């Protein structure tokens, strides 16, 4: 095949218009549907080819279920309904709506 040295490879890559850039980051989160893919301690390389950016990410990968409601949502429901945080979170999960969760807990 080809036997290219480092400098020859760099020259060829440059001629093709390919550029790379390291991107500093502490964590990468990919949100999809009901889960999140979390990449800790990422090593991110941005590659630009023909005007399009692509990213290569290497790191410690884990998955977690995505929280549908924020902690502020849970606090709001709990305070408005006079309920505990656990009850507010459960009502939010059951109803899927802040107003409906408050109404459910007030009944």
C-alpha atoms as a PDB file:
ATOM      1  CA  UNK A   1       0.000   0.000   0.000  1.00  0.00           C
ATOM      2  CA  UNK A   2       1.379   3.459   0.892  1.00  0.00           C
ATOM      3  CA  UNK A   3       4.473   3.980   2.987  1.00  0.00           C
ATOM      4  CA  UNK A   4       4.085   7.581   4.145  1.00  0.00           C
ATOM      5  CA  UNK A   5       6.163   9.281   6.823  1.00  0.00           C
ATOM      6  CA  UNK A   6       4.696  11.730   9.322  1.00  0.00           C
ATOM      7  CA  UNK A   7       5.569  14.827   7.309  1.00  0.00           C
ATOM      8  CA  UNK A   8       4.305  13.319   4.050  1.00  0.00           C
ATOM      9  CA  UNK A   9       1.051  12.405   5.775  1.00  0.00           C
ATOM     10  CA  UNK A  10       0.676  15.948   7.172  1.00  0.00           C
ATOM     11  CA  UNK A  11       1.303  17.429   3.719  1.00  0.00           C
ATOM     12  CA  UNK A  12      -1.260  15.124   2.107  1.00  0.00           C
ATOM     13  CA  UNK A  13      -3.867  15.894   4.785  1.00  0.00           C
ATOM     14  CA  UNK A  14      -3.279  19.629   4.321  1.00  0.00           C
ATOM     15  CA  UNK A  15      -3.662  19.295   0.523  1.00  0.00           C
ATOM     16  CA  UNK A  16      -6.994  17.541   1.035  1.00  0.00           C
ATOM     17  CA  UNK A  17      -8.199  20.451   3.180  1.00  0.00           C
ATOM     18  CA  UNK A  18      -8.532  18.388   6.340  1.00  0.00           C
ATOM     19  CA  UNK A  19      -7.984  20.241   9.612  1.00  0.00           C
ATOM     20  CA  UNK A  20      -8.075  18.944  13.183  1.00  0.00           C
ATOM     21  CA  UNK A  21      -8.497  20.703  16.493  1.00  0.00           C
ATOM     22  CA  UNK A  22      -8.482  19.415  20.062  1.00  0.00           C
ATOM     23  CA  UNK A  23     -11.484  20.590  22.078  1.00  0.00           C
ATOM     24  CA  UNK A  24     -11.033  20.866  25.870  1.00  0.00           C
ATOM     25  CA  UNK A  25     -14.002  19.590  27.917  1.00  0.00           C
ATOM     26  CA  UNK A  26     -14.776  18.040  31.293  1.00  0.00           C
ATOM     27  CA  UNK A  27     -17.791  16.010  30.190  1.00  0.00           C
ATOM     28  CA  UNK A  28     -19.896  15.278  27.107  1.00  0.00           C
ATOM     29  CA  UNK A  29     -23.604  14.424  27.404  1.00  0.00           C
ATOM     30  CA  UNK A  30     -25.622  13.048  24.496  1.00  0.00           C
ATOM     31  CA  UNK A  31     -29.376  13.251  25.168  1.00  0.00           C
ATOM     32  CA  UNK A  32     -31.618  10.863  23.292  1.00  0.00           C
ATOM     33  CA  UNK A  33     -35.192   9.879  24.052  1.00  0.00           C
ATOM     34  CA  UNK A  34     -35.351   8.681  27.637  1.00  0.00           C
ATOM     35  CA  UNK A  35     -31.621   8.191  28.238  1.00  0.00           C
ATOM     36  CA  UNK A  36     -28.369  10.111  28.299  1.00  0.00           C
ATOM     37  CA  UNK A  37     -24.937   8.890  27.282  1.00  0.00           C
ATOM     38  CA  UNK A  38     -22.354  10.513  29.552  1.00  0.00           C
ATOM     39  CA  UNK A  39     -18.681  10.630  28.573  1.00  0.00           C
ATOM     40  CA  UNK A  40     -16.398  11.667  31.429  1.00  0.00           C
ATOM     41  CA  UNK A  41     -12.776  12.734  30.965  1.00  0.00           C
ATOM     42  CA  UNK A  42     -13.293  13.133  27.194  1.00  0.00           C
ATOM     43  CA  UNK A  43     -10.574  13.533  24.614  1.00  0.00           C
ATOM     44  CA  UNK A  44     -12.354  15.392  21.792  1.00  0.00           C
ATOM     45  CA  UNK A  45     -10.964  15.930  18.311  1.00  0.00           C
ATOM     46  CA  UNK A  46     -12.823  18.133  15.834  1.00  0.00           C
ATOM     47  CA  UNK A  47     -12.103  17.176  12.222  1.00  0.00           C
ATOM     48  CA  UNK A  48     -13.111  19.478   9.370  1.00  0.00           C
ATOM     49  CA  UNK A  49     -13.370  17.830   5.958  1.00  0.00           C
ATOM     50  CA  UNK A  50     -14.855  19.569   2.921  1.00  0.00           C
ATOM     51  CA  UNK A  51     -16.503  22.213   5.102  1.00  0.00           C
ATOM     52  CA  UNK A  52     -18.165  19.717   7.437  1.00  0.00           C
ATOM     53  CA  UNK A  53     -17.273  19.275  11.093  1.00  0.00           C
ATOM     54  CA  UNK A  54     -17.123  15.850  12.702  1.00  0.00           C
ATOM     55  CA  UNK A  55     -16.143  14.998  16.254  1.00  0.00           C
ATOM     56  CA  UNK A  56     -14.277  12.011  17.627  1.00  0.00           C
ATOM     57  CA  UNK A  57     -14.835  11.519  21.357  1.00  0.00           C
ATOM     58  CA  UNK A  58     -12.914   9.080  23.530  1.00  0.00           C
ATOM     59  CA  UNK A  59     -13.523   8.752  27.278  1.00  0.00           C
ATOM     60  CA  UNK A  60     -15.219   6.926  30.136  1.00  0.00           C
ATOM     61  CA  UNK A  61     -18.736   6.114  28.918  1.00  0.00           C
ATOM     62  CA  UNK A  62     -21.839   5.500  31.037  1.00  0.00           C
ATOM     63  CA  UNK A  63     -25.581   5.653  30.461  1.00  0.00           C
ATOM     64  CA  UNK A  64     -28.346   7.002  32.653  1.00  0.00           C
ATOM     65  CA  UNK A  65     -32.060   7.554  32.374  1.00  0.00           C
ATOM     66  CA  UNK A  66     -32.893  11.122  31.486  1.00  0.00           C
ATOM     67  CA  UNK A  67     -34.841  13.041  34.107  1.00  0.00           C
ATOM     68  CA  UNK A  68     -38.013  14.357  32.543  1.00  0.00           C
ATOM     69  CA  UNK A  69     -38.508  17.038  35.192  1.00  0.00           C
ATOM     70  CA  UNK A  70     -35.923  19.265  36.845  1.00  0.00           C
ATOM     71  CA  UNK A  71     -35.397  19.633  40.574  1.00  0.00           C
ATOM     72  CA  UNK A  72     -37.004  23.091  40.322  1.00  0.00           C
ATOM     73  CA  UNK A  73     -40.127  21.477  38.837  1.00  0.00           C
ATOM     74  CA  UNK A  74     -40.288  19.033  41.749  1.00  0.00           C
ATOM     75  CA  UNK A  75     -39.806  21.878  44.284  1.00  0.00           C
ATOM     76  CA  UNK A  76     -42.570  23.903  42.606  1.00  0.00           C
ATOM     77  CA  UNK A  77     -45.046  21.024  42.740  1.00  0.00           C
ATOM     78  CA  UNK A  78     -44.124  20.222  46.353  1.00  0.00           C
ATOM     79  CA  UNK A  79     -44.552  23.836  47.507  1.00  0.00           C
ATOM     80  CA  UNK A  80     -47.775  24.466  45.573  1.00  0.00           C
ATOM     81  CA  UNK A  81     -49.386  21.201  46.698  1.00  0.00           C
ATOM     82  CA  UNK A  82     -48.005  21.227  50.239  1.00  0.00           C
ATOM     83  CA  UNK A  83     -46.435  17.804  49.632  1.00  0.00           C
ATOM     84  CA  UNK A  84     -43.057  16.172  50.178  1.00  0.00           C
ATOM     85  CA  UNK A  85     -40.401  16.172  47.457  1.00  0.00           C
ATOM     86  CA  UNK A  86     -40.792  12.406  47.028  1.00  0.00           C
ATOM     87  CA  UNK A  87     -44.572  12.688  46.601  1.00  0.00           C
ATOM     88  CA  UNK A  88     -44.141  15.585  44.163  1.00  0.00           C
ATOM     89  CA  UNK A  89     -41.638  13.623  42.070  1.00  0.00           C
ATOM     90  CA  UNK A  90     -43.908  10.570  42.023  1.00  0.00           C
ATOM     91  CA  UNK A  91     -46.903  12.691  40.974  1.00  0.00           C
ATOM     92  CA  UNK A  92     -44.865  14.282  38.179  1.00  0.00           C
ATOM     93  CA  UNK A  93     -43.780  10.871  36.918  1.00  0.00           C
ATOM     94  CA  UNK A  94     -47.361   9.573  37.018  1.00  0.00           C
ATOM     95  CA  UNK A  95     -49.025  12.570  35.358  1.00  0.00           C
ATOM     96  CA  UNK A  96     -46.240  13.911  33.145  1.00  0.00           C
ATOM     97  CA  UNK A  97     -47.417  17.474  33.761  1.00  0.00           C
ATOM     98  CA  UNK A  98     -46.710  20.066  36.472  1.00  0.00           C
ATOM     99  CA  UNK A  99     -50.271  21.390  36.768  1.00  0.00           C
ATOM    100  CA  UNK A 100     -51.765  17.891  36.773  1.00  0.00           C
ATOM    101  CA  UNK A 101     -49.294  16.788  39.452  1.00  0.00           C
ATOM    102  CA  UNK A 102     -50.285  19.718  41.695  1.00  0.00           C
ATOM    103  CA  UNK A 103     -53.977  18.959  41.208  1.00  0.00           C
ATOM    104  CA  UNK A 104     -53.441  15.271  41.938  1.00  0.00           C
ATOM    105  CA  UNK A 105     -51.634  16.018  45.186  1.00  0.00           C
ATOM    106  CA  UNK A 106     -54.241  18.553  46.315  1.00  0.00           C
ATOM    107  CA  UNK A 107     -57.080  16.000  46.013  1.00  0.00           C
END
